[in-house]
C-alpha atoms as a PDB file:
ATOM      1  CA  MET A   1      -9.864  95.293  50.101  1.00  0.00           C
ATOM      2  CA  THR A   2     -13.161  97.189  49.214  1.00  0.00           C
ATOM      3  CA  ALA A   3     -15.761  95.617  51.081  1.00  0.00           C
ATOM      4  CA  ARG A   4     -19.150  95.027  49.087  1.00  0.00           C
ATOM      5  CA  GLU A   5     -21.704  97.211  48.630  1.00  0.00           C
ATOM      6  CA  PHE A   6     -24.471  94.441  49.029  1.00  0.00           C
ATOM      7  CA  SER A   7     -24.449  91.351  50.544  1.00  0.00           C
ATOM      8  CA  ALA A   8     -24.517  88.060  48.034  1.00  0.00           C
ATOM      9  CA  ASP A   9     -27.955  87.001  49.290  1.00  0.00           C
ATOM     10  CA  GLN A  10     -29.674  90.341  47.238  1.00  0.00           C
ATOM     11  CA  CYS A  11     -31.232  90.215  43.368  1.00  0.00           C
ATOM     12  CA  PRO A  12     -32.039  93.166  41.777  1.00  0.00           C
ATOM     13  CA  SER A  13     -35.314  95.410  42.692  1.00  0.00           C
ATOM     14  CA  ALA A  14     -38.479  94.765  40.221  1.00  0.00           C
ATOM     15  CA  ARG A  15     -37.363  98.518  39.762  1.00  0.00           C
ATOM     16  CA  LEU A  16     -34.904  97.254  38.107  1.00  0.00           C
ATOM     17  CA  ARG A  17     -36.102  94.029  36.136  1.00  0.00           C
ATOM     18  CA  ASN A  18     -38.851  95.978  34.760  1.00  0.00           C
ATOM     19  CA  GLY A  19     -35.430  98.374  33.307  1.00  0.00           C
ATOM     20  CA  GLY A  20     -35.000 100.710  35.693  1.00  0.00           C
ATOM     21  CA  PRO A  21     -34.420 104.610  34.634  1.00  0.00           C
ATOM     22  CA  LEU A  22     -35.123 102.801  31.131  1.00  0.00           C
ATOM     23  CA  LEU A  23     -38.612 101.470  31.558  1.00  0.00           C
ATOM     24  CA  GLU A  24     -39.051 105.230  32.709  1.00  0.00           C
ATOM     25  CA  ALA A  25     -37.661 106.644  29.379  1.00  0.00           C
ATOM     26  CA  TRP A  26     -39.636 104.747  27.632  1.00  0.00           C
ATOM     27  CA  ASN A  27     -42.635 105.448  29.962  1.00  0.00           C
ATOM     28  CA  GLY A  28     -41.838 109.666  29.035  1.00  0.00           C
ATOM     29  CA  LEU A  29     -42.141 109.179  26.115  1.00  0.00           C
ATOM     30  CA  ARG A  30     -45.168 107.218  25.429  1.00  0.00           C
ATOM     31  CA  ALA A  31     -46.825 109.913  27.850  1.00  0.00           C
ATOM     32  CA  LEU A  32     -45.688 112.759  25.554  1.00  0.00           C
ATOM     33  CA  LEU A  33     -46.699 110.760  22.112  1.00  0.00           C
ATOM     34  CA  VAL A  34     -50.414 110.088  23.092  1.00  0.00           C
ATOM     35  CA  PRO A  35     -52.083 113.573  23.685  1.00  0.00           C
ATOM     36  CA  TYR A  36     -50.957 113.986  19.941  1.00  0.00           C
ATOM     37  CA  PHE A  37     -51.535 110.191  18.572  1.00  0.00           C
ATOM     38  CA  PRO A  38     -54.242 109.354  20.502  1.00  0.00           C
ATOM     39  CA  GLU A  39     -54.995 105.723  21.720  1.00  0.00           C
ATOM     40  CA  ASN A  40     -58.499 105.475  20.067  1.00  0.00           C
ATOM     41  CA  LEU A  41     -57.029 106.443  16.949  1.00  0.00           C
ATOM     42  CA  PHE A  42     -53.468 105.152  16.967  1.00  0.00           C
ATOM     43  CA  ARG A  43     -52.464 101.787  17.410  1.00  0.00           C
ATOM     44  CA  TYR A  44     -49.468 101.251  19.614  1.00  0.00           C
ATOM     45  CA  ARG A  45     -46.684  98.514  19.415  1.00  0.00           C
ATOM     46  CA  THR A  46     -43.255  97.622  20.590  1.00  0.00           C
ATOM     47  CA  VAL A  47     -40.936  96.630  17.689  1.00  0.00           C
ATOM     48  CA  GLN A  48     -38.456  94.669  18.243  1.00  0.00           C
ATOM     49  CA  PRO A  49     -34.848  95.197  18.251  1.00  0.00           C
ATOM     50  CA  ARG A  50     -34.237  92.634  14.625  1.00  0.00           C
ATOM     51  CA  MET A  51     -37.182  92.567  12.531  1.00  0.00           C
ATOM     52  CA  THR A  52     -37.579  90.909   9.205  1.00  0.00           C
ATOM     53  CA  PRO A  53     -40.723  91.345   6.453  1.00  0.00           C
ATOM     54  CA  GLN A  54     -42.683  89.437   7.926  1.00  0.00           C
ATOM     55  CA  ARG A  55     -42.977  90.223  11.881  1.00  0.00           C
ATOM     56  CA  TRP A  56     -43.474  94.044  10.220  1.00  0.00           C
ATOM     57  CA  GLN A  57     -45.917  92.589   7.835  1.00  0.00           C
ATOM     58  CA  GLU A  58     -47.626  91.320  11.252  1.00  0.00           C
ATOM     59  CA  ILE A  59     -47.372  94.516  13.928  1.00  0.00           C
ATOM     60  CA  SER A  60     -48.745  96.884  10.969  1.00  0.00           C
ATOM     61  CA  ALA A  61     -51.202  95.119   9.584  1.00  0.00           C
ATOM     62  CA  LYS A  62     -53.508  98.079  11.184  1.00  0.00           C
ATOM     63  CA  ALA A  63     -52.919 101.466  10.692  1.00  0.00           C
ATOM     64  CA  PRO A  64     -51.900 104.382  11.714  1.00  0.00           C
ATOM     65  CA  MET A  65     -49.563 102.220  14.548  1.00  0.00           C
ATOM     66  CA  ILE A  66     -46.983 103.957  16.984  1.00  0.00           C
ATOM     67  CA  GLY A  67     -44.349 101.678  17.102  1.00  0.00           C
ATOM     68  CA  MET A  68     -41.434 102.159  20.198  1.00  0.00           C
ATOM     69  CA  SER A  69     -38.109 100.359  20.806  1.00  0.00           C
ATOM     70  CA  TRP A  70     -34.855 100.614  22.288  1.00  0.00           C
ATOM     71  CA  ALA A  71     -31.220 100.612  20.698  1.00  0.00           C
ATOM     72  CA  GLY A  72     -28.941 101.745  23.046  1.00  0.00           C
ATOM     73  CA  TRP A  73     -27.417 103.763  26.441  1.00  0.00           C
ATOM     74  CA  VAL A  74     -24.436 105.258  25.989  1.00  0.00           C
ATOM     75  CA  PRO A  75     -22.214 107.350  28.583  1.00  0.00           C
ATOM     76  CA  GLY A  76     -21.541 110.687  28.302  1.00  0.00           C
ATOM     77  CA  ASN A  77     -18.137 111.768  28.837  1.00  0.00           C
ATOM     78  CA  ASP A  78     -18.711 112.186  32.520  1.00  0.00           C
ATOM     79  CA  ARG A  79     -17.801 108.473  33.538  1.00  0.00           C
ATOM     80  CA  GLY A  80     -16.551 109.199  36.716  1.00  0.00           C
ATOM     81  CA  GLY A  81     -17.455 107.649  40.171  1.00  0.00           C
ATOM     82  CA  ARG A  82     -19.909 104.365  40.350  1.00  0.00           C
ATOM     83  CA  GLN A  83     -22.968 106.744  38.559  1.00  0.00           C
ATOM     84  CA  PHE A  84     -23.706 105.706  34.652  1.00  0.00           C
ATOM     85  CA  ARG A  85     -25.295 108.150  32.962  1.00  0.00           C
ATOM     86  CA  GLY A  86     -25.610 108.974  29.710  1.00  0.00           C
ATOM     87  CA  ASP A  87     -27.901 109.126  25.971  1.00  0.00           C
ATOM     88  CA  ALA A  88     -30.497 106.298  26.040  1.00  0.00           C
ATOM     89  CA  SER A  89     -31.394 105.566  21.923  1.00  0.00           C
ATOM     90  CA  PHE A  90     -35.190 105.040  22.055  1.00  0.00           C
ATOM     91  CA  PRO A  91     -36.865 104.108  17.515  1.00  0.00           C
ATOM     92  CA  ILE A  92     -39.990 105.424  17.478  1.00  0.00           C
ATOM     93  CA  PHE A  93     -41.670 104.195  14.066  1.00  0.00           C
ATOM     94  CA  LEU A  94     -44.929 106.370  12.427  1.00  0.00           C
ATOM     95  CA  LEU A  95     -47.144 103.975   9.838  1.00  0.00           C
ATOM     96  CA  VAL A  96     -49.646 105.350   7.808  1.00  0.00           C
ATOM     97  CA  LYS A  97     -51.343 103.845   5.339  1.00  0.00           C
ATOM     98  CA  THR A  98     -53.382 105.128   2.574  1.00  0.00           C
ATOM     99  CA  PRO A  99     -55.658 103.252  -0.468  1.00  0.00           C
ATOM    100  CA  LEU A 100     -53.502 105.595  -3.085  1.00  0.00           C
ATOM    101  CA  PRO A 101     -49.608 105.626  -2.662  1.00  0.00           C
ATOM    102  CA  GLU A 102     -49.728 109.235  -3.993  1.00  0.00           C
ATOM    103  CA  ASP A 103     -51.633 109.709  -0.930  1.00  0.00           C
ATOM    104  CA  LEU A 104     -48.476 108.350   1.534  1.00  0.00           C
ATOM    105  CA  ILE A 105     -47.161 111.432   1.265  1.00  0.00           C
ATOM    106  CA  LEU A 106     -49.759 114.376   2.599  1.00  0.00           C
ATOM    107  CA  GLY A 107     -52.049 112.213   4.060  1.00  0.00           C
ATOM    108  CA  THR A 108     -55.763 111.812   3.333  1.00  0.00           C
ATOM    109  CA  ASP A 109     -58.929 113.472   4.758  1.00  0.00           C
ATOM    110  CA  THR A 110     -59.053 110.329   7.295  1.00  0.00           C
ATOM    111  CA  MET A 111     -55.348 109.511   7.654  1.00  0.00           C
ATOM    112  CA  PRO A 112     -52.321 110.973   8.222  1.00  0.00           C
ATOM    113  CA  GLY A 113     -49.234 111.664   5.917  1.00  0.00           C
ATOM    114  CA  ALA A 114     -45.863 110.349   6.251  1.00  0.00           C
ATOM    115  CA  MET A 115     -44.900 114.170   6.595  1.00  0.00           C
ATOM    116  CA  GLY A 116     -47.966 115.034   8.849  1.00  0.00           C
ATOM    117  CA  VAL A 117     -47.050 112.343  11.633  1.00  0.00           C
ATOM    118  CA  ALA A 118     -43.217 112.873  11.647  1.00  0.00           C
ATOM    119  CA  SER A 119     -43.838 117.233  11.268  1.00  0.00           C
ATOM    120  CA  THR A 120     -46.594 116.614  14.714  1.00  0.00           C
ATOM    121  CA  ALA A 121     -43.970 113.539  16.443  1.00  0.00           C
ATOM    122  CA  VAL A 122     -40.807 115.761  15.927  1.00  0.00           C
ATOM    123  CA  HIS A 123     -42.891 118.538  17.999  1.00  0.00           C
ATOM    124  CA  ALA A 124     -43.772 116.463  20.826  1.00  0.00           C
ATOM    125  CA  LEU A 125     -41.396 115.213  21.859  1.00  0.00           C
ATOM    126  CA  ASN A 126     -38.139 117.595  20.712  1.00  0.00           C
ATOM    127  CA  GLY A 127     -36.682 119.639  23.593  1.00  0.00           C
ATOM    128  CA  ARG A 128     -39.337 118.201  26.371  1.00  0.00           C
ATOM    129  CA  LYS A 129     -38.120 117.369  29.722  1.00  0.00           C
ATOM    130  CA  ILE A 130     -39.632 113.670  31.224  1.00  0.00           C
ATOM    131  CA  ARG A 131     -38.249 112.578  34.630  1.00  0.00           C
ATOM    132  CA  GLY A 132     -35.667 110.887  33.047  1.00  0.00           C
ATOM    133  CA  GLY A 133     -34.148 113.174  31.140  1.00  0.00           C
ATOM    134  CA  THR A 134     -34.254 115.639  27.993  1.00  0.00           C
ATOM    135  CA  VAL A 135     -36.177 114.137  24.650  1.00  0.00           C
ATOM    136  CA  ARG A 136     -33.952 115.699  21.659  1.00  0.00           C
ATOM    137  CA  VAL A 137     -34.671 114.491  17.930  1.00  0.00           C
ATOM    138  CA  ARG A 138     -31.604 113.367  16.624  1.00  0.00           C
ATOM    139  CA  SER A 139     -33.410 111.819  13.079  1.00  0.00           C
ATOM    140  CA  VAL A 140     -35.880 111.398  10.793  1.00  0.00           C
ATOM    141  CA  SER A 141     -36.940 109.208   7.511  1.00  0.00           C
ATOM    142  CA  ASN A 142     -39.050 108.319   5.349  1.00  0.00           C
ATOM    143  CA  LEU A 143     -36.520 106.174   3.434  1.00  0.00           C
ATOM    144  CA  GLU A 144     -34.713 103.405   6.306  1.00  0.00           C
ATOM    145  CA  SER A 145     -37.891 101.011   5.334  1.00  0.00           C
ATOM    146  CA  CYS A 146     -38.732 101.214   2.483  1.00  0.00           C
ATOM    147  CA  ASP A 147     -37.542  97.821   1.405  1.00  0.00           C
ATOM    148  CA  TRP A 148     -40.070  96.292   4.469  1.00  0.00           C
ATOM    149  CA  ILE A 149     -43.445  97.243   2.656  1.00  0.00           C
ATOM    150  CA  ASN A 150     -46.064  97.337   0.243  1.00  0.00           C
ATOM    151  CA  ASP A 151     -46.986 100.534  -2.079  1.00  0.00           C
ATOM    152  CA  ARG A 152     -49.169 101.512  -0.288  1.00  0.00           C
ATOM    153  CA  THR A 153     -47.112 102.201   3.344  1.00  0.00           C
ATOM    154  CA  ALA A 154     -45.370 104.766   5.126  1.00  0.00           C
ATOM    155  CA  ILE A 155     -42.967 103.320   8.046  1.00  0.00           C
ATOM    156  CA  VAL A 156     -41.491 107.260   9.371  1.00  0.00           C
ATOM    157  CA  THR A 157     -38.073 106.256  12.041  1.00  0.00           C
ATOM    158  CA  MET A 158     -37.468 108.720  14.404  1.00  0.00           C
ATOM    159  CA  ASN A 159     -34.192 108.274  16.602  1.00  0.00           C
ATOM    160  CA  VAL A 160     -34.852 110.039  19.414  1.00  0.00           C
ATOM    161  CA  VAL A 161     -32.612 110.098  22.690  1.00  0.00           C
ATOM    162  CA  VAL A 162     -33.059 110.827  26.222  1.00  0.00           C
ATOM    163  CA  GLU A 163     -30.264 112.919  27.356  1.00  0.00           C
ATOM    164  CA  ASN A 164     -28.323 112.581  30.356  1.00  0.00           C
ATOM    165  CA  LEU A 165     -30.924 109.334  31.813  1.00  0.00           C
ATOM    166  CA  ALA A 166     -29.269 107.974  34.657  1.00  0.00           C
ATOM    167  CA  PHE A 167     -30.036 105.614  38.417  1.00  0.00           C
ATOM    168  CA  ASN A 168     -31.248 107.417  41.461  1.00  0.00           C
ATOM    169  CA  GLU A 169     -27.991 105.866  43.755  1.00  0.00           C
ATOM    170  CA  ARG A 170     -29.314 106.914  46.723  1.00  0.00           C
ATOM    171  CA  TYR A 171     -33.461 105.202  45.726  1.00  0.00           C
ATOM    172  CA  LEU A 172     -30.815 102.293  44.769  1.00  0.00           C
ATOM    173  CA  THR A 173     -29.525 101.751  47.963  1.00  0.00           C
ATOM    174  CA  ALA A 174     -32.455 102.076  49.573  1.00  0.00           C
ATOM    175  CA  ASP A 175     -34.277  99.288  47.968  1.00  0.00           C
ATOM    176  CA  MET A 176     -31.585  96.972  48.134  1.00  0.00           C
ATOM    177  CA  PRO A 177     -31.668  95.705  51.407  1.00  0.00           C
ATOM    178  CA  THR A 178     -35.110  94.593  51.313  1.00  0.00           C
ATOM    179  CA  LEU A 179     -34.590  91.870  48.806  1.00  0.00           C
ATOM    180  CA  THR A 180     -34.774  88.085  48.610  1.00  0.00           C
ATOM    181  CA  ARG A 181     -32.915  85.592  47.415  1.00  0.00           C
ATOM    182  CA  LEU A 182     -33.813  83.809  43.851  1.00  0.00           C
ATOM    183  CA  GLU A 183     -33.778  80.913  42.900  1.00  0.00           C
ATOM    184  CA  GLY A 184     -31.730  81.241  39.457  1.00  0.00           C
ATOM    185  CA  THR A 185     -35.129  82.881  37.933  1.00  0.00           C
ATOM    186  CA  TRP A 186     -36.681  86.171  37.457  1.00  0.00           C
ATOM    187  CA  THR A 187     -40.740  85.808  38.160  1.00  0.00           C
ATOM    188  CA  PHE A 188     -42.528  88.643  36.594  1.00  0.00           C
ATOM    189  CA  THR A 189     -46.262  89.636  37.595  1.00  0.00           C
ATOM    190  CA  PRO A 190     -48.422  89.993  34.347  1.00  0.00           C
ATOM    191  CA  GLY A 191     -49.491  93.701  32.784  1.00  0.00           C
ATOM    192  CA  ASP A 192     -48.176  95.920  31.104  1.00  0.00           C
ATOM    193  CA  GLY A 193     -44.223  96.994  33.512  1.00  0.00           C
ATOM    194  CA  VAL A 194     -45.352 100.250  33.642  1.00  0.00           C
ATOM    195  CA  VAL A 195     -43.633 101.444  37.155  1.00  0.00           C
ATOM    196  CA  GLU A 196     -45.393 103.961  38.516  1.00  0.00           C
ATOM    197  CA  ASP A 197     -44.504 106.399  40.987  1.00  0.00           C
ATOM    198  CA  VAL A 198     -40.796 106.000  40.679  1.00  0.00           C
ATOM    199  CA  VAL A 199     -38.349 108.910  40.483  1.00  0.00           C
ATOM    200  CA  PHE A 200     -34.679 109.474  38.735  1.00  0.00           C
ATOM    201  CA  ASP A 201     -32.685 111.986  39.789  1.00  0.00           C
ATOM    202  CA  THR A 202     -30.503 112.611  36.696  1.00  0.00           C
ATOM    203  CA  GLU A 203     -28.898 115.848  38.755  1.00  0.00           C
ATOM    204  CA  SER A 204     -27.258 113.479  41.973  1.00  0.00           C
ATOM    205  CA  ARG A 205     -23.744 112.896  41.055  1.00  0.00           C
ATOM    206  CA  SER A 206     -21.840 110.248  42.889  1.00  0.00           C
ATOM    207  CA  SER A 207     -18.673 110.807  44.067  1.00  0.00           C
END
């Protein structure tokens, strides 16, 4: 019988609880977007996996808005060893509003249009390197959410993938022995959940 790698009284570290490499990729994507969509002009919101039209109305009350979500993490062809490595998908939503419906596509002097935010976001993200992997824009659509909004609002939906995202096994192994037992629940520190100074080595592979 193979011995357990960690003792039974050890629990996931705070870095894993916060999202591990997924959170690192999330933070990397946001860092790429902010220079092109500054936070003093664009409102950033977290978009839940399942949305109703009513919920969309709540989070899209102010525009322009950048919404971020997480959809999946699909392993690649190399599935050997303990290492989990694959493409992580992060839907990104770019919301704009204009007084006149005919201005939604091209925009105005005071509000970017759907084509403007779409092309800017593609330029900001596609092919960029972040800590965790390479960013690829798989699709851009102005139609997927059209039934959820009024005729003076446009939501550009992007399927953005961080390719080859993986855990750093050396980092996890070094971190786990310092943990303490949790009595059936996790506690979280208030804040935005940003993990600082965490490097996930996507090039290393476990044997």
